[in-house]
Amino acid sequence: MTLKRPDGPEFLRWRQGHRPDPGDRESWWGGWHDAVRDAVARGVVVRRARIVSEPLSDYTRYESDWLPRRRATDLDLPGMDF
């Protein structure tokens, strides 16, 4: 997995508008999904939460490329995910 850095080329490309292809998981998540899949297959419960302060810095937005809850109201998701 490539380490993200605030002065790294991937962050600078993100600031210029580049977004990873969600269909090419391996290029942007490295082995994360494989590690989670393998852990779950062994019976491990995996949970993640990222609590952030607003306003977000550019680098925090880059790390998460998140969807604010106010923009997810039309999606069929639970009101609180944790």
PDB file of N, CA and C in Angstrom:
ATOM      1  N   MET A   1       0.846  -1.167   0.000  1.00  0.00           N
ATOM      2  CA  MET A   1       0.000   0.000   0.000  1.00  0.00           C
ATOM      3  C   MET A   1       0.901   1.243   0.000  1.00  0.00           C
ATOM      4  N   THR A   2       0.551   2.207  -0.812  1.00  0.00           N
ATOM      5  CA  THR A   2       1.312   3.447  -0.903  1.00  0.00           C
ATOM      6  C   THR A   2       0.951   4.364   0.255  1.00  0.00           C
ATOM      7  N   LEU A   3       1.957   4.859   0.938  1.00  0.00           N
ATOM      8  CA  LEU A   3       1.729   5.783   2.042  1.00  0.00           C
ATOM      9  C   LEU A   3       1.354   7.151   1.482  1.00  0.00           C
ATOM     10  N   LYS A   4       0.274   7.721   1.985  1.00  0.00           N
ATOM     11  CA  LYS A   4      -0.165   9.033   1.534  1.00  0.00           C
ATOM     12  C   LYS A   4       0.578  10.106   2.316  1.00  0.00           C
ATOM     13  N   ARG A   5       1.004  11.138   1.610  1.00  0.00           N
ATOM     14  CA  ARG A   5       1.710  12.250   2.251  1.00  0.00           C
ATOM     15  C   ARG A   5       1.155  13.552   1.713  1.00  0.00           C
ATOM     16  N   PRO A   6       1.108  14.589   2.568  1.00  0.00           N
ATOM     17  CA  PRO A   6       0.558  15.860   2.098  1.00  0.00           C
ATOM     18  C   PRO A   6       1.399  16.537   1.020  1.00  0.00           C
ATOM     19  N   ASP A   7       2.629  16.087   0.825  1.00  0.00           N
ATOM     20  CA  ASP A   7       3.433  16.651  -0.255  1.00  0.00           C
ATOM     21  C   ASP A   7       3.659  15.619  -1.360  1.00  0.00           C
ATOM     22  N   GLY A   8       2.955  14.493  -1.280  1.00  0.00           N
ATOM     23  CA  GLY A   8       3.140  13.419  -2.246  1.00  0.00           C
ATOM     24  C   GLY A   8       2.431  13.670  -3.566  1.00  0.00           C
ATOM     25  N   PRO A   9       2.876  13.005  -4.619  1.00  0.00           N
ATOM     26  CA  PRO A   9       2.298  13.231  -5.944  1.00  0.00           C
ATOM     27  C   PRO A   9       0.820  12.838  -6.035  1.00  0.00           C
ATOM     28  N   GLU A  10       0.389  11.829  -5.298  1.00  0.00           N
ATOM     29  CA  GLU A  10      -1.017  11.422  -5.366  1.00  0.00           C
ATOM     30  C   GLU A  10      -1.927  12.495  -4.759  1.00  0.00           C
ATOM     31  N   PHE A  11      -1.489  13.086  -3.654  1.00  0.00           N
ATOM     32  CA  PHE A  11      -2.267  14.169  -3.050  1.00  0.00           C
ATOM     33  C   PHE A  11      -2.325  15.372  -3.989  1.00  0.00           C
ATOM     34  N   LEU A  12      -1.210  15.726  -4.592  1.00  0.00           N
ATOM     35  CA  LEU A  12      -1.181  16.861  -5.510  1.00  0.00           C
ATOM     36  C   LEU A  12      -2.085  16.610  -6.717  1.00  0.00           C
ATOM     37  N   ARG A  13      -2.109  15.383  -7.234  1.00  0.00           N
ATOM     38  CA  ARG A  13      -3.018  15.035  -8.339  1.00  0.00           C
ATOM     39  C   ARG A  13      -4.472  15.153  -7.884  1.00  0.00           C
ATOM     40  N   TRP A  14      -4.769  14.721  -6.649  1.00  0.00           N
ATOM     41  CA  TRP A  14      -6.126  14.833  -6.113  1.00  0.00           C
ATOM     42  C   TRP A  14      -6.565  16.296  -6.062  1.00  0.00           C
ATOM     43  N   ARG A  15      -5.650  17.161  -5.621  1.00  0.00           N
ATOM     44  CA  ARG A  15      -5.972  18.593  -5.543  1.00  0.00           C
ATOM     45  C   ARG A  15      -6.268  19.168  -6.925  1.00  0.00           C
ATOM     46  N   GLN A  16      -5.715  18.559  -7.967  1.00  0.00           N
ATOM     47  CA  GLN A  16      -5.961  19.017  -9.339  1.00  0.00           C
ATOM     48  C   GLN A  16      -7.229  18.384  -9.929  1.00  0.00           C
ATOM     49  N   GLY A  17      -7.940  17.572  -9.135  1.00  0.00           N
ATOM     50  CA  GLY A  17      -9.208  17.018  -9.599  1.00  0.00           C
ATOM     51  C   GLY A  17      -9.199  15.541  -9.949  1.00  0.00           C
ATOM     52  N   HIS A  18      -8.043  14.885  -9.930  1.00  0.00           N
ATOM     53  CA  HIS A  18      -7.994  13.451 -10.239  1.00  0.00           C
ATOM     54  C   HIS A  18      -8.652  12.650  -9.119  1.00  0.00           C
ATOM     55  N   ARG A  19      -9.475  11.678  -9.484  1.00  0.00           N
ATOM     56  CA  ARG A  19     -10.070  10.761  -8.514  1.00  0.00           C
ATOM     57  C   ARG A  19      -9.803   9.339  -8.980  1.00  0.00           C
ATOM     58  N   PRO A  20      -9.468   8.448  -8.044  1.00  0.00           N
ATOM     59  CA  PRO A  20      -9.209   7.055  -8.417  1.00  0.00           C
ATOM     60  C   PRO A  20     -10.458   6.409  -9.018  1.00  0.00           C
ATOM     61  N   ASP A  21     -10.238   5.423  -9.849  1.00  0.00           N
ATOM     62  CA  ASP A  21     -11.322   4.659 -10.448  1.00  0.00           C
ATOM     63  C   ASP A  21     -11.859   3.690  -9.399  1.00  0.00           C
ATOM     64  N   PRO A  22     -13.119   3.862  -8.954  1.00  0.00           N
ATOM     65  CA  PRO A  22     -13.644   2.978  -7.911  1.00  0.00           C
ATOM     66  C   PRO A  22     -13.668   1.512  -8.338  1.00  0.00           C
ATOM     67  N   GLY A  23     -13.694   1.254  -9.637  1.00  0.00           N
ATOM     68  CA  GLY A  23     -13.698  -0.124 -10.121  1.00  0.00           C
ATOM     69  C   GLY A  23     -12.339  -0.791 -10.049  1.00  0.00           C
ATOM     70  N   ASP A  24     -11.288  -0.017  -9.870  1.00  0.00           N
ATOM     71  CA  ASP A  24      -9.925  -0.561  -9.804  1.00  0.00           C
ATOM     72  C   ASP A  24      -9.431  -0.482  -8.365  1.00  0.00           C
ATOM     73  N   ARG A  25     -10.069  -1.262  -7.491  1.00  0.00           N
ATOM     74  CA  ARG A  25      -9.780  -1.212  -6.052  1.00  0.00           C
ATOM     75  C   ARG A  25      -8.300  -1.384  -5.735  1.00  0.00           C
ATOM     76  N   GLU A  26      -7.658  -2.287  -6.418  1.00  0.00           N
ATOM     77  CA  GLU A  26      -6.258  -2.590  -6.105  1.00  0.00           C
ATOM     78  C   GLU A  26      -5.360  -1.362  -6.249  1.00  0.00           C
ATOM     79  N   SER A  27      -5.696  -0.467  -7.175  1.00  0.00           N
ATOM     80  CA  SER A  27      -4.835   0.690  -7.402  1.00  0.00           C
ATOM     81  C   SER A  27      -4.938   1.723  -6.290  1.00  0.00           C
ATOM     82  N   TRP A  28      -6.026   1.735  -5.541  1.00  0.00           N
ATOM     83  CA  TRP A  28      -6.166   2.763  -4.513  1.00  0.00           C
ATOM     84  C   TRP A  28      -6.299   2.223  -3.104  1.00  0.00           C
ATOM     85  N   TRP A  29      -6.579   0.969  -2.900  1.00  0.00           N
ATOM     86  CA  TRP A  29      -6.681   0.414  -1.556  1.00  0.00           C
ATOM     87  C   TRP A  29      -5.570  -0.563  -1.246  1.00  0.00           C
ATOM     88  N   GLY A  30      -4.732  -0.840  -2.212  1.00  0.00           N
ATOM     89  CA  GLY A  30      -3.687  -1.821  -1.953  1.00  0.00           C
ATOM     90  C   GLY A  30      -4.301  -3.120  -1.484  1.00  0.00           C
ATOM     91  N   GLY A  31      -3.831  -3.675  -0.404  1.00  0.00           N
ATOM     92  CA  GLY A  31      -4.334  -4.941   0.088  1.00  0.00           C
ATOM     93  C   GLY A  31      -5.393  -4.826   1.170  1.00  0.00           C
ATOM     94  N   TRP A  32      -5.929  -3.628   1.419  1.00  0.00           N
ATOM     95  CA  TRP A  32      -6.880  -3.437   2.518  1.00  0.00           C
ATOM     96  C   TRP A  32      -8.099  -4.347   2.398  1.00  0.00           C
ATOM     97  N   HIS A  33      -8.762  -4.346   1.244  1.00  0.00           N
ATOM     98  CA  HIS A  33      -9.952  -5.182   1.084  1.00  0.00           C
ATOM     99  C   HIS A  33      -9.624  -6.664   1.240  1.00  0.00           C
ATOM    100  N   ASP A  34      -8.479  -7.074   0.736  1.00  0.00           N
ATOM    101  CA  ASP A  34      -8.082  -8.480   0.892  1.00  0.00           C
ATOM    102  C   ASP A  34      -7.866  -8.820   2.359  1.00  0.00           C
ATOM    103  N   ALA A  35      -7.218  -7.925   3.102  1.00  0.00           N
ATOM    104  CA  ALA A  35      -6.966  -8.178   4.524  1.00  0.00           C
ATOM    105  C   ALA A  35      -8.277  -8.260   5.300  1.00  0.00           C
ATOM    106  N   VAL A  36      -9.220  -7.373   4.991  1.00  0.00           N
ATOM    107  CA  VAL A  36     -10.522  -7.398   5.665  1.00  0.00           C
ATOM    108  C   VAL A  36     -11.266  -8.678   5.306  1.00  0.00           C
ATOM    109  N   ARG A  37     -11.295  -9.034   4.032  1.00  0.00           N
ATOM    110  CA  ARG A  37     -11.969 -10.260   3.595  1.00  0.00           C
ATOM    111  C   ARG A  37     -11.399 -11.471   4.313  1.00  0.00           C
ATOM    112  N   ASP A  38     -10.076 -11.563   4.400  1.00  0.00           N
ATOM    113  CA  ASP A  38      -9.439 -12.701   5.062  1.00  0.00           C
ATOM    114  C   ASP A  38      -9.760 -12.727   6.560  1.00  0.00           C
ATOM    115  N   ALA A  39      -9.760 -11.559   7.199  1.00  0.00           N
ATOM    116  CA  ALA A  39     -10.084 -11.490   8.628  1.00  0.00           C
ATOM    117  C   ALA A  39     -11.525 -11.914   8.879  1.00  0.00           C
ATOM    118  N   VAL A  40     -12.446 -11.427   8.069  1.00  0.00           N
ATOM    119  CA  VAL A  40     -13.859 -11.779   8.225  1.00  0.00           C
ATOM    120  C   VAL A  40     -14.061 -13.277   8.002  1.00  0.00           C
ATOM    121  N   ALA A  41     -13.338 -13.844   7.055  1.00  0.00           N
ATOM    122  CA  ALA A  41     -13.442 -15.290   6.806  1.00  0.00           C
ATOM    123  C   ALA A  41     -12.990 -16.090   8.028  1.00  0.00           C
ATOM    124  N   ARG A  42     -12.111 -15.506   8.845  1.00  0.00           N
ATOM    125  CA  ARG A  42     -11.661 -16.172  10.077  1.00  0.00           C
ATOM    126  C   ARG A  42     -12.598 -15.886  11.250  1.00  0.00           C
ATOM    127  N   GLY A  43     -13.654 -15.116  11.017  1.00  0.00           N
ATOM    128  CA  GLY A  43     -14.610 -14.817  12.072  1.00  0.00           C
ATOM    129  C   GLY A  43     -14.353 -13.519  12.814  1.00  0.00           C
ATOM    130  N   VAL A  44     -13.393 -12.730  12.355  1.00  0.00           N
ATOM    131  CA  VAL A  44     -13.081 -11.453  12.997  1.00  0.00           C
ATOM    132  C   VAL A  44     -14.114 -10.409  12.578  1.00  0.00           C
ATOM    133  N   VAL A  45     -14.593  -9.619  13.523  1.00  0.00           N
ATOM    134  CA  VAL A  45     -15.490  -8.506  13.213  1.00  0.00           C
ATOM    135  C   VAL A  45     -14.619  -7.273  12.986  1.00  0.00           C
ATOM    136  N   VAL A  46     -14.781  -6.633  11.845  1.00  0.00           N
ATOM    137  CA  VAL A  46     -13.972  -5.465  11.489  1.00  0.00           C
ATOM    138  C   VAL A  46     -14.882  -4.248  11.432  1.00  0.00           C
ATOM    139  N   ARG A  47     -14.505  -3.203  12.137  1.00  0.00           N
ATOM    140  CA  ARG A  47     -15.244  -1.945  12.126  1.00  0.00           C
ATOM    141  C   ARG A  47     -14.255  -0.803  12.006  1.00  0.00           C
ATOM    142  N   ARG A  48     -14.688   0.245  11.318  1.00  0.00           N
ATOM    143  CA  ARG A  48     -13.851   1.436  11.185  1.00  0.00           C
ATOM    144  C   ARG A  48     -14.717   2.663  11.378  1.00  0.00           C
ATOM    145  N   ALA A  49     -14.163   3.648  11.989  1.00  0.00           N
ATOM    146  CA  ALA A  49     -14.838   4.938  12.107  1.00  0.00           C
ATOM    147  C   ALA A  49     -13.781   6.020  12.029  1.00  0.00           C
ATOM    148  N   ARG A  50     -14.088   7.057  11.339  1.00  0.00           N
ATOM    149  CA  ARG A  50     -13.189   8.211  11.249  1.00  0.00           C
ATOM    150  C   ARG A  50     -13.970   9.412  11.732  1.00  0.00           C
ATOM    151  N   ILE A  51     -13.611   9.932  12.871  1.00  0.00           N
ATOM    152  CA  ILE A  51     -14.263  11.095  13.438  1.00  0.00           C
ATOM    153  C   ILE A  51     -13.395  12.301  13.098  1.00  0.00           C
ATOM    154  N   VAL A  52     -13.994  13.294  12.477  1.00  0.00           N
ATOM    155  CA  VAL A  52     -13.226  14.458  12.035  1.00  0.00           C
ATOM    156  C   VAL A  52     -13.882  15.740  12.506  1.00  0.00           C
ATOM    157  N   SER A  53     -13.086  16.774  12.593  1.00  0.00           N
ATOM    158  CA  SER A  53     -13.581  18.108  12.887  1.00  0.00           C
ATOM    159  C   SER A  53     -13.831  18.827  11.573  1.00  0.00           C
ATOM    160  N   GLU A  54     -14.800  19.716  11.578  1.00  0.00           N
ATOM    161  CA  GLU A  54     -15.059  20.523  10.395  1.00  0.00           C
ATOM    162  C   GLU A  54     -14.706  21.966  10.697  1.00  0.00           C
ATOM    163  N   PRO A  55     -14.241  22.722   9.763  1.00  0.00           N
ATOM    164  CA  PRO A  55     -14.088  22.343   8.368  1.00  0.00           C
ATOM    165  C   PRO A  55     -12.886  21.419   8.175  1.00  0.00           C
ATOM    166  N   LEU A  56     -12.989  20.569   7.169  1.00  0.00           N
ATOM    167  CA  LEU A  56     -11.914  19.626   6.873  1.00  0.00           C
ATOM    168  C   LEU A  56     -10.776  20.330   6.141  1.00  0.00           C
ATOM    169  N   SER A  57      -9.567  19.885   6.434  1.00  0.00           N
ATOM    170  CA  SER A  57      -8.422  20.369   5.659  1.00  0.00           C
ATOM    171  C   SER A  57      -8.438  19.666   4.300  1.00  0.00           C
ATOM    172  N   ASP A  58      -7.714  20.206   3.340  1.00  0.00           N
ATOM    173  CA  ASP A  58      -7.613  19.544   2.038  1.00  0.00           C
ATOM    174  C   ASP A  58      -7.086  18.129   2.193  1.00  0.00           C
ATOM    175  N   TYR A  59      -6.103  17.950   3.068  1.00  0.00           N
ATOM    176  CA  TYR A  59      -5.507  16.621   3.200  1.00  0.00           C
ATOM    177  C   TYR A  59      -6.490  15.622   3.817  1.00  0.00           C
ATOM    178  N   THR A  60      -7.294  16.042   4.787  1.00  0.00           N
ATOM    179  CA  THR A  60      -8.294  15.138   5.362  1.00  0.00           C
ATOM    180  C   THR A  60      -9.333  14.780   4.316  1.00  0.00           C
ATOM    181  N   ARG A  61      -9.742  15.737   3.494  1.00  0.00           N
ATOM    182  CA  ARG A  61     -10.689  15.430   2.414  1.00  0.00           C
ATOM    183  C   ARG A  61     -10.060  14.452   1.432  1.00  0.00           C
ATOM    184  N   TYR A  62      -8.783  14.611   1.148  1.00  0.00           N
ATOM    185  CA  TYR A  62      -8.087  13.688   0.251  1.00  0.00           C
ATOM    186  C   TYR A  62      -8.052  12.278   0.831  1.00  0.00           C
ATOM    187  N   GLU A  63      -7.734  12.155   2.108  1.00  0.00           N
ATOM    188  CA  GLU A  63      -7.667  10.838   2.734  1.00  0.00           C
ATOM    189  C   GLU A  63      -9.013  10.126   2.712  1.00  0.00           C
ATOM    190  N   SER A  64     -10.076  10.863   2.871  1.00  0.00           N
ATOM    191  CA  SER A  64     -11.392  10.255   3.016  1.00  0.00           C
ATOM    192  C   SER A  64     -12.261  10.380   1.769  1.00  0.00           C
ATOM    193  N   ASP A  65     -12.103  11.459   1.029  1.00  0.00           N
ATOM    194  CA  ASP A  65     -12.968  11.767  -0.106  1.00  0.00           C
ATOM    195  C   ASP A  65     -14.393  11.365   0.240  1.00  0.00           C
ATOM    196  N   TRP A  66     -14.919  12.003   1.247  1.00  0.00           N
ATOM    197  CA  TRP A  66     -16.137  11.615   1.944  1.00  0.00           C
ATOM    198  C   TRP A  66     -17.400  12.213   1.348  1.00  0.00           C
ATOM    199  N   LEU A  67     -18.511  11.641   1.764  1.00  0.00           N
ATOM    200  CA  LEU A  67     -19.830  12.133   1.395  1.00  0.00           C
ATOM    201  C   LEU A  67     -20.487  12.659   2.659  1.00  0.00           C
ATOM    202  N   PRO A  68     -20.723  13.968   2.747  1.00  0.00           N
ATOM    203  CA  PRO A  68     -21.370  14.514   3.942  1.00  0.00           C
ATOM    204  C   PRO A  68     -22.770  13.923   4.126  1.00  0.00           C
ATOM    205  N   ARG A  69     -23.167  13.702   5.365  1.00  0.00           N
ATOM    206  CA  ARG A  69     -24.478  13.128   5.671  1.00  0.00           C
ATOM    207  C   ARG A  69     -25.597  13.932   5.005  1.00  0.00           C
ATOM    208  N   ARG A  70     -25.477  15.263   4.981  1.00  0.00           N
ATOM    209  CA  ARG A  70     -26.532  16.100   4.398  1.00  0.00           C
ATOM    210  C   ARG A  70     -26.721  15.822   2.907  1.00  0.00           C
ATOM    211  N   ARG A  71     -25.702  15.262   2.234  1.00  0.00           N
ATOM    212  CA  ARG A  71     -25.817  14.941   0.813  1.00  0.00           C
ATOM    213  C   ARG A  71     -26.216  13.482   0.586  1.00  0.00           C
ATOM    214  N   ALA A  72     -26.397  12.720   1.675  1.00  0.00           N
ATOM    215  CA  ALA A  72     -26.745  11.309   1.552  1.00  0.00           C
ATOM    216  C   ALA A  72     -28.200  11.044   1.930  1.00  0.00           C
ATOM    217  N   THR A  73     -28.998  12.096   2.077  1.00  0.00           N
ATOM    218  CA  THR A  73     -30.372  11.917   2.558  1.00  0.00           C
ATOM    219  C   THR A  73     -31.227  11.104   1.603  1.00  0.00           C
ATOM    220  N   ASP A  74     -30.945  11.133   0.320  1.00  0.00           N
ATOM    221  CA  ASP A  74     -31.739  10.383  -0.651  1.00  0.00           C
ATOM    222  C   ASP A  74     -31.271   8.937  -0.818  1.00  0.00           C
ATOM    223  N   LEU A  75     -30.202   8.567  -0.175  1.00  0.00           N
ATOM    224  CA  LEU A  75     -29.702   7.196  -0.282  1.00  0.00           C
ATOM    225  C   LEU A  75     -30.423   6.313   0.729  1.00  0.00           C
ATOM    226  N   ASP A  76     -30.568   5.063   0.423  1.00  0.00           N
ATOM    227  CA  ASP A  76     -31.254   4.135   1.321  1.00  0.00           C
ATOM    228  C   ASP A  76     -30.261   3.605   2.364  1.00  0.00           C
ATOM    229  N   LEU A  77     -29.911   4.482   3.316  1.00  0.00           N
ATOM    230  CA  LEU A  77     -28.954   4.136   4.369  1.00  0.00           C
ATOM    231  C   LEU A  77     -29.585   4.391   5.731  1.00  0.00           C
ATOM    232  N   PRO A  78     -29.095   3.714   6.775  1.00  0.00           N
ATOM    233  CA  PRO A  78     -29.612   4.035   8.099  1.00  0.00           C
ATOM    234  C   PRO A  78     -29.229   5.460   8.495  1.00  0.00           C
ATOM    235  N   GLY A  79     -30.030   6.066   9.366  1.00  0.00           N
ATOM    236  CA  GLY A  79     -29.783   7.441   9.791  1.00  0.00           C
ATOM    237  C   GLY A  79     -28.457   7.620  10.483  1.00  0.00           C
ATOM    238  N   MET A  80     -28.072   6.649  11.277  1.00  0.00           N
ATOM    239  CA  MET A  80     -26.786   6.681  11.979  1.00  0.00           C
ATOM    240  C   MET A  80     -26.069   5.379  11.679  1.00  0.00           C
ATOM    241  N   ASP A  81     -24.873   5.467  11.134  1.00  0.00           N
ATOM    242  CA  ASP A  81     -24.173   4.238  10.762  1.00  0.00           C
ATOM    243  C   ASP A  81     -23.322   3.673  11.896  1.00  0.00           C
ATOM    244  N   PHE A  82     -23.218   4.375  13.010  1.00  0.00           N
ATOM    245  CA  PHE A  82     -22.516   3.857  14.186  1.00  0.00           C
ATOM    246  C   PHE A  82     -23.339   4.158  15.386  1.00  0.00           C
TER     247      PHE A  82
END
